[in-house]
Amino acid sequence: MPFNFVAYSALNWFFWGLLAIAFVVEAWALLDALRRPKAAFPAASKQTKPIWLLILGIATLIGVGGVLNYLQLFSIIPIVAFVAAVIYHVEVKPKVKAIGPGPSRSQMGPYGPW
């Protein structure tokens, strides 16, 4: 009997670690979306910035709920939130980043742009 309890506890820790990693990805996506200019989202043919902030904000709140164990361990909701953040990182962020204003790092000198 104690062996099952230890294995179940280890499995709980494993899934909690996955939820913590998912929360970091969701928070990172939200912070990145906050940094991007509002006009870059429609220019990249993506949804508007407020829509992405709403999606990523809800995903981050779900991530907090998962890490604090307010959600059931095997719920589908944290998975959906993580997928939304991954879609932002893979699909939206590169296109919005390419359109963003300002010089890139390759055009920056030690004291500002060239």
C-alpha atoms as a PDB file:
ATOM      1  CA  MET A   1       0.000   0.000   0.000  1.00  0.00           C
ATOM      2  CA  PRO A   2       2.706   2.610   0.777  1.00  0.00           C
ATOM      3  CA  PHE A   3       4.269   1.961  -2.628  1.00  0.00           C
ATOM      4  CA  ASN A   4       1.070   3.032  -4.396  1.00  0.00           C
ATOM      5  CA  PHE A   5       0.890   6.182  -2.298  1.00  0.00           C
ATOM      6  CA  VAL A   6       4.481   7.092  -3.170  1.00  0.00           C
ATOM      7  CA  ALA A   7       3.892   6.457  -6.873  1.00  0.00           C
ATOM      8  CA  TYR A   8       0.691   8.486  -6.830  1.00  0.00           C
ATOM      9  CA  SER A   9       2.442  11.302  -5.018  1.00  0.00           C
ATOM     10  CA  ALA A  10       5.290  11.262  -7.528  1.00  0.00           C
ATOM     11  CA  LEU A  11       2.756  11.340 -10.361  1.00  0.00           C
ATOM     12  CA  ASN A  12       1.064  14.327  -8.746  1.00  0.00           C
ATOM     13  CA  TRP A  13       4.411  16.125  -8.516  1.00  0.00           C
ATOM     14  CA  PHE A  14       5.128  15.351 -12.153  1.00  0.00           C
ATOM     15  CA  PHE A  15       1.824  16.828 -13.318  1.00  0.00           C
ATOM     16  CA  TRP A  16       2.231  19.811 -11.026  1.00  0.00           C
ATOM     17  CA  GLY A  17       5.600  20.433 -12.692  1.00  0.00           C
ATOM     18  CA  LEU A  18       3.935  20.302 -16.106  1.00  0.00           C
ATOM     19  CA  LEU A  19       1.327  22.801 -14.907  1.00  0.00           C
ATOM     20  CA  ALA A  20       4.096  25.083 -13.623  1.00  0.00           C
ATOM     21  CA  ILE A  21       5.900  24.954 -16.974  1.00  0.00           C
ATOM     22  CA  ALA A  22       2.622  25.663 -18.766  1.00  0.00           C
ATOM     23  CA  PHE A  23       2.029  28.663 -16.500  1.00  0.00           C
ATOM     24  CA  VAL A  24       5.463  30.080 -17.355  1.00  0.00           C
ATOM     25  CA  VAL A  25       4.746  29.722 -21.086  1.00  0.00           C
ATOM     26  CA  GLU A  26       1.341  31.395 -20.662  1.00  0.00           C
ATOM     27  CA  ALA A  27       2.713  34.283 -18.601  1.00  0.00           C
ATOM     28  CA  TRP A  28       5.579  34.752 -21.074  1.00  0.00           C
ATOM     29  CA  ALA A  29       3.077  34.960 -23.951  1.00  0.00           C
ATOM     30  CA  LEU A  30       0.979  37.524 -22.072  1.00  0.00           C
ATOM     31  CA  LEU A  31       3.985  39.694 -21.248  1.00  0.00           C
ATOM     32  CA  ASP A  32       5.201  39.515 -24.834  1.00  0.00           C
ATOM     33  CA  ALA A  33       1.776  40.513 -26.175  1.00  0.00           C
ATOM     34  CA  LEU A  34       1.738  43.485 -23.811  1.00  0.00           C
ATOM     35  CA  ARG A  35       5.062  44.686 -25.269  1.00  0.00           C
ATOM     36  CA  ARG A  36       3.944  44.542 -28.913  1.00  0.00           C
ATOM     37  CA  PRO A  37       2.427  47.629 -30.588  1.00  0.00           C
ATOM     38  CA  LYS A  38      -1.325  47.630 -31.113  1.00  0.00           C
ATOM     39  CA  ALA A  39      -1.102  48.291 -34.856  1.00  0.00           C
ATOM     40  CA  ALA A  40       1.213  45.337 -35.500  1.00  0.00           C
ATOM     41  CA  PHE A  41      -1.479  42.724 -34.859  1.00  0.00           C
ATOM     42  CA  PRO A  42      -3.889  43.710 -37.663  1.00  0.00           C
ATOM     43  CA  ALA A  43      -0.929  44.494 -39.926  1.00  0.00           C
ATOM     44  CA  ALA A  44       0.214  40.884 -39.496  1.00  0.00           C
ATOM     45  CA  SER A  45      -3.323  39.686 -40.388  1.00  0.00           C
ATOM     46  CA  LYS A  46      -3.893  38.405 -36.873  1.00  0.00           C
ATOM     47  CA  GLN A  47      -6.618  39.213 -34.352  1.00  0.00           C
ATOM     48  CA  THR A  48      -6.405  42.565 -32.594  1.00  0.00           C
ATOM     49  CA  LYS A  49      -4.185  43.132 -29.587  1.00  0.00           C
ATOM     50  CA  PRO A  50      -7.099  43.370 -27.094  1.00  0.00           C
ATOM     51  CA  ILE A  51      -8.424  39.991 -28.234  1.00  0.00           C
ATOM     52  CA  TRP A  52      -5.020  38.374 -27.787  1.00  0.00           C
ATOM     53  CA  LEU A  53      -4.592  40.040 -24.398  1.00  0.00           C
ATOM     54  CA  LEU A  54      -7.970  38.665 -23.336  1.00  0.00           C
ATOM     55  CA  ILE A  55      -7.148  35.152 -24.562  1.00  0.00           C
ATOM     56  CA  LEU A  56      -3.695  35.142 -22.971  1.00  0.00           C
ATOM     57  CA  GLY A  57      -4.929  36.795 -19.776  1.00  0.00           C
ATOM     58  CA  ILE A  58      -7.549  34.076 -19.298  1.00  0.00           C
ATOM     59  CA  ALA A  59      -4.934  31.432 -20.145  1.00  0.00           C
ATOM     60  CA  THR A  60      -2.585  32.878 -17.526  1.00  0.00           C
ATOM     61  CA  LEU A  61      -5.338  32.917 -14.894  1.00  0.00           C
ATOM     62  CA  ILE A  62      -6.084  29.291 -15.698  1.00  0.00           C
ATOM     63  CA  GLY A  63      -2.363  28.582 -15.363  1.00  0.00           C
ATOM     64  CA  VAL A  64      -2.333  30.195 -11.918  1.00  0.00           C
ATOM     65  CA  GLY A  65      -5.340  28.081 -10.958  1.00  0.00           C
ATOM     66  CA  GLY A  66      -3.564  24.959 -12.145  1.00  0.00           C
ATOM     67  CA  VAL A  67      -0.362  25.701 -10.263  1.00  0.00           C
ATOM     68  CA  LEU A  68      -2.247  26.549  -7.076  1.00  0.00           C
ATOM     69  CA  ASN A  69      -4.210  23.304  -7.503  1.00  0.00           C
ATOM     70  CA  TYR A  70      -7.618  24.975  -7.754  1.00  0.00           C
ATOM     71  CA  LEU A  71      -8.337  23.040 -10.934  1.00  0.00           C
ATOM     72  CA  GLN A  72      -8.606  19.293 -11.128  1.00  0.00           C
ATOM     73  CA  LEU A  73      -5.319  17.654 -11.962  1.00  0.00           C
ATOM     74  CA  PHE A  74      -6.474  15.976 -15.189  1.00  0.00           C
ATOM     75  CA  SER A  75      -8.768  18.748 -16.412  1.00  0.00           C
ATOM     76  CA  ILE A  76      -8.798  19.722 -20.091  1.00  0.00           C
ATOM     77  CA  ILE A  77      -8.961  23.448 -19.284  1.00  0.00           C
ATOM     78  CA  PRO A  78      -5.220  23.924 -18.513  1.00  0.00           C
ATOM     79  CA  ILE A  79      -4.389  22.068 -21.710  1.00  0.00           C
ATOM     80  CA  VAL A  80      -6.551  24.438 -23.770  1.00  0.00           C
ATOM     81  CA  ALA A  81      -4.929  27.435 -22.058  1.00  0.00           C
ATOM     82  CA  PHE A  82      -1.458  26.074 -22.821  1.00  0.00           C
ATOM     83  CA  VAL A  83      -2.399  25.469 -26.468  1.00  0.00           C
ATOM     84  CA  ALA A  84      -3.578  29.092 -26.769  1.00  0.00           C
ATOM     85  CA  ALA A  85      -0.210  30.321 -25.461  1.00  0.00           C
ATOM     86  CA  VAL A  86       1.697  28.009 -27.799  1.00  0.00           C
ATOM     87  CA  ILE A  87      -0.348  29.246 -30.767  1.00  0.00           C
ATOM     88  CA  TYR A  88       0.604  32.793 -29.818  1.00  0.00           C
ATOM     89  CA  HIS A  89       4.314  31.902 -29.550  1.00  0.00           C
ATOM     90  CA  VAL A  90       4.441  29.890 -32.772  1.00  0.00           C
ATOM     91  CA  GLU A  91       2.008  31.680 -35.082  1.00  0.00           C
ATOM     92  CA  VAL A  92       1.390  35.237 -33.903  1.00  0.00           C
ATOM     93  CA  LYS A  93       4.583  36.364 -32.175  1.00  0.00           C
ATOM     94  CA  PRO A  94       6.971  35.904 -35.138  1.00  0.00           C
ATOM     95  CA  LYS A  95       4.717  37.833 -37.523  1.00  0.00           C
ATOM     96  CA  VAL A  96       3.951  40.622 -35.069  1.00  0.00           C
ATOM     97  CA  LYS A  97       7.605  40.868 -34.093  1.00  0.00           C
ATOM     98  CA  ALA A  98       8.631  41.269 -37.743  1.00  0.00           C
ATOM     99  CA  ILE A  99       6.243  44.193 -38.187  1.00  0.00           C
ATOM    100  CA  GLY A 100       7.000  45.904 -34.889  1.00  0.00           C
ATOM    101  CA  PRO A 101       8.428  49.429 -34.986  1.00  0.00           C
ATOM    102  CA  GLY A 102      11.916  50.439 -34.053  1.00  0.00           C
ATOM    103  CA  PRO A 103      15.324  49.196 -35.097  1.00  0.00           C
ATOM    104  CA  SER A 104      16.299  45.588 -34.708  1.00  0.00           C
ATOM    105  CA  ARG A 105      19.204  44.535 -32.542  1.00  0.00           C
ATOM    106  CA  SER A 106      21.443  44.300 -35.581  1.00  0.00           C
ATOM    107  CA  GLN A 107      20.959  48.044 -36.137  1.00  0.00           C
ATOM    108  CA  MET A 108      21.660  49.047 -32.558  1.00  0.00           C
ATOM    109  CA  GLY A 109      24.915  50.629 -31.518  1.00  0.00           C
ATOM    110  CA  PRO A 110      26.243  50.792 -27.954  1.00  0.00           C
ATOM    111  CA  TYR A 111      24.320  54.035 -27.264  1.00  0.00           C
ATOM    112  CA  GLY A 112      21.241  53.592 -29.479  1.00  0.00           C
ATOM    113  CA  PRO A 113      20.362  53.127 -33.135  1.00  0.00           C
ATOM    114  CA  TRP A 114      22.906  53.813 -35.830  1.00  0.00           C
END
